[in-house]
Amino acid sequence: MTEQHQADAEDEPVCSAKGCTQRASWALLWNNPKLHTPERRKTWLACEAHRVSLSEFLGARGFLKETEPVPTA
């Protein structure tokens, strides 16, 4: 792999699901209201396969605020 190709691969967003190495397609924006101010957003990234499960995990706790597509390069 060339240096440029390797750098491009390392810059691709990767899914936040444990053990997943797939490219992320979605940004799950969340906050924990017990710890964060209302306007603060933390981000988990999700591939297509993990979007629902990660969203449900955050949603069940009342943390999920928004879901946005990850821009492609």
C-alpha atoms as a PDB file:
ATOM      1  CA  MET A   1       0.000   0.000   0.000  1.00  0.00           C
ATOM      2  CA  THR A   2       1.372   3.430  -0.881  1.00  0.00           C
ATOM      3  CA  GLU A   3       1.870   5.993   1.869  1.00  0.00           C
ATOM      4  CA  GLN A   4      -0.942   8.187   0.495  1.00  0.00           C
ATOM      5  CA  HIS A   5      -3.360   5.258   0.175  1.00  0.00           C
ATOM      6  CA  GLN A   6      -2.549   4.150   3.728  1.00  0.00           C
ATOM      7  CA  ALA A   7      -3.101   7.695   5.048  1.00  0.00           C
ATOM      8  CA  ASP A   8      -6.459   7.876   3.220  1.00  0.00           C
ATOM      9  CA  ALA A   9      -7.542   4.540   4.736  1.00  0.00           C
ATOM     10  CA  GLU A  10      -6.602   5.740   8.223  1.00  0.00           C
ATOM     11  CA  ASP A  11      -8.665   8.928   7.739  1.00  0.00           C
ATOM     12  CA  GLU A  12     -11.871   7.037   6.963  1.00  0.00           C
ATOM     13  CA  PRO A  13     -14.345   7.090   9.843  1.00  0.00           C
ATOM     14  CA  VAL A  14     -14.710   3.678  11.512  1.00  0.00           C
ATOM     15  CA  CYS A  15     -17.784   2.300  13.265  1.00  0.00           C
ATOM     16  CA  SER A  16     -17.788   2.673  17.068  1.00  0.00           C
ATOM     17  CA  ALA A  17     -19.343  -0.764  17.687  1.00  0.00           C
ATOM     18  CA  LYS A  18     -17.017  -3.030  19.634  1.00  0.00           C
ATOM     19  CA  GLY A  19     -14.783  -5.007  17.275  1.00  0.00           C
ATOM     20  CA  CYS A  20     -16.228  -3.491  14.092  1.00  0.00           C
ATOM     21  CA  THR A  21     -13.796  -2.193  11.489  1.00  0.00           C
ATOM     22  CA  GLN A  22     -16.338  -1.145   8.851  1.00  0.00           C
ATOM     23  CA  ARG A  23     -16.517   2.373   7.453  1.00  0.00           C
ATOM     24  CA  ALA A  24     -19.006   4.517   9.357  1.00  0.00           C
ATOM     25  CA  SER A  25     -21.975   5.884   7.413  1.00  0.00           C
ATOM     26  CA  TRP A  26     -23.793   7.526  10.328  1.00  0.00           C
ATOM     27  CA  ALA A  27     -22.948   9.899  13.165  1.00  0.00           C
ATOM     28  CA  LEU A  28     -25.033   9.347  16.297  1.00  0.00           C
ATOM     29  CA  LEU A  29     -25.026  12.584  18.275  1.00  0.00           C
ATOM     30  CA  TRP A  30     -25.763  12.159  21.958  1.00  0.00           C
ATOM     31  CA  ASN A  31     -25.235  13.469  25.448  1.00  0.00           C
ATOM     32  CA  ASN A  32     -25.757  12.269  28.986  1.00  0.00           C
ATOM     33  CA  PRO A  33     -27.919  14.934  30.639  1.00  0.00           C
ATOM     34  CA  LYS A  34     -26.526  14.015  34.069  1.00  0.00           C
ATOM     35  CA  LEU A  35     -22.987  14.870  32.881  1.00  0.00           C
ATOM     36  CA  HIS A  36     -23.271  17.255  29.922  1.00  0.00           C
ATOM     37  CA  THR A  37     -24.875  20.616  29.224  1.00  0.00           C
ATOM     38  CA  PRO A  38     -27.935  20.383  26.909  1.00  0.00           C
ATOM     39  CA  GLU A  39     -26.089  21.789  23.888  1.00  0.00           C
ATOM     40  CA  ARG A  40     -23.082  19.447  24.179  1.00  0.00           C
ATOM     41  CA  ARG A  41     -22.936  16.613  21.654  1.00  0.00           C
ATOM     42  CA  LYS A  42     -20.709  13.572  21.761  1.00  0.00           C
ATOM     43  CA  THR A  43     -20.446  11.375  18.666  1.00  0.00           C
ATOM     44  CA  TRP A  44     -20.524   7.666  18.050  1.00  0.00           C
ATOM     45  CA  LEU A  45     -20.008   6.515  14.496  1.00  0.00           C
ATOM     46  CA  ALA A  46     -22.010   3.642  13.025  1.00  0.00           C
ATOM     47  CA  CYS A  47     -21.820   1.471   9.931  1.00  0.00           C
ATOM     48  CA  GLU A  48     -25.068   0.358   8.279  1.00  0.00           C
ATOM     49  CA  ALA A  49     -25.033  -2.931  10.216  1.00  0.00           C
ATOM     50  CA  HIS A  50     -24.723  -1.273  13.652  1.00  0.00           C
ATOM     51  CA  ARG A  51     -26.794   1.899  13.216  1.00  0.00           C
ATOM     52  CA  VAL A  52     -29.934   0.422  14.752  1.00  0.00           C
ATOM     53  CA  SER A  53     -28.287  -1.348  17.699  1.00  0.00           C
ATOM     54  CA  LEU A  54     -26.161   1.653  18.680  1.00  0.00           C
ATOM     55  CA  SER A  55     -29.153   3.984  18.274  1.00  0.00           C
ATOM     56  CA  GLU A  56     -31.314   1.709  20.424  1.00  0.00           C
ATOM     57  CA  PHE A  57     -28.614   1.553  23.123  1.00  0.00           C
ATOM     58  CA  LEU A  58     -28.370   5.346  23.310  1.00  0.00           C
ATOM     59  CA  GLY A  59     -32.114   5.844  22.878  1.00  0.00           C
ATOM     60  CA  ALA A  60     -33.032   3.486  25.721  1.00  0.00           C
ATOM     61  CA  ARG A  61     -31.012   5.710  28.055  1.00  0.00           C
ATOM     62  CA  GLY A  62     -32.464   8.939  26.667  1.00  0.00           C
ATOM     63  CA  PHE A  63     -29.040   9.977  25.329  1.00  0.00           C
ATOM     64  CA  LEU A  64     -29.602   9.983  21.539  1.00  0.00           C
ATOM     65  CA  LYS A  65     -30.283  13.486  20.202  1.00  0.00           C
ATOM     66  CA  GLU A  66     -29.685  13.292  16.432  1.00  0.00           C
ATOM     67  CA  THR A  67     -28.516  10.951  13.669  1.00  0.00           C
ATOM     68  CA  GLU A  68     -26.713  12.387  10.649  1.00  0.00           C
ATOM     69  CA  PRO A  69     -25.064  10.830   7.608  1.00  0.00           C
ATOM     70  CA  VAL A  70     -21.264  10.919   7.616  1.00  0.00           C
ATOM     71  CA  PRO A  71     -20.074  12.915   4.596  1.00  0.00           C
ATOM     72  CA  THR A  72     -18.140  10.919   2.022  1.00  0.00           C
ATOM     73  CA  ALA A  73     -14.849  12.231   0.704  1.00  0.00           C
END
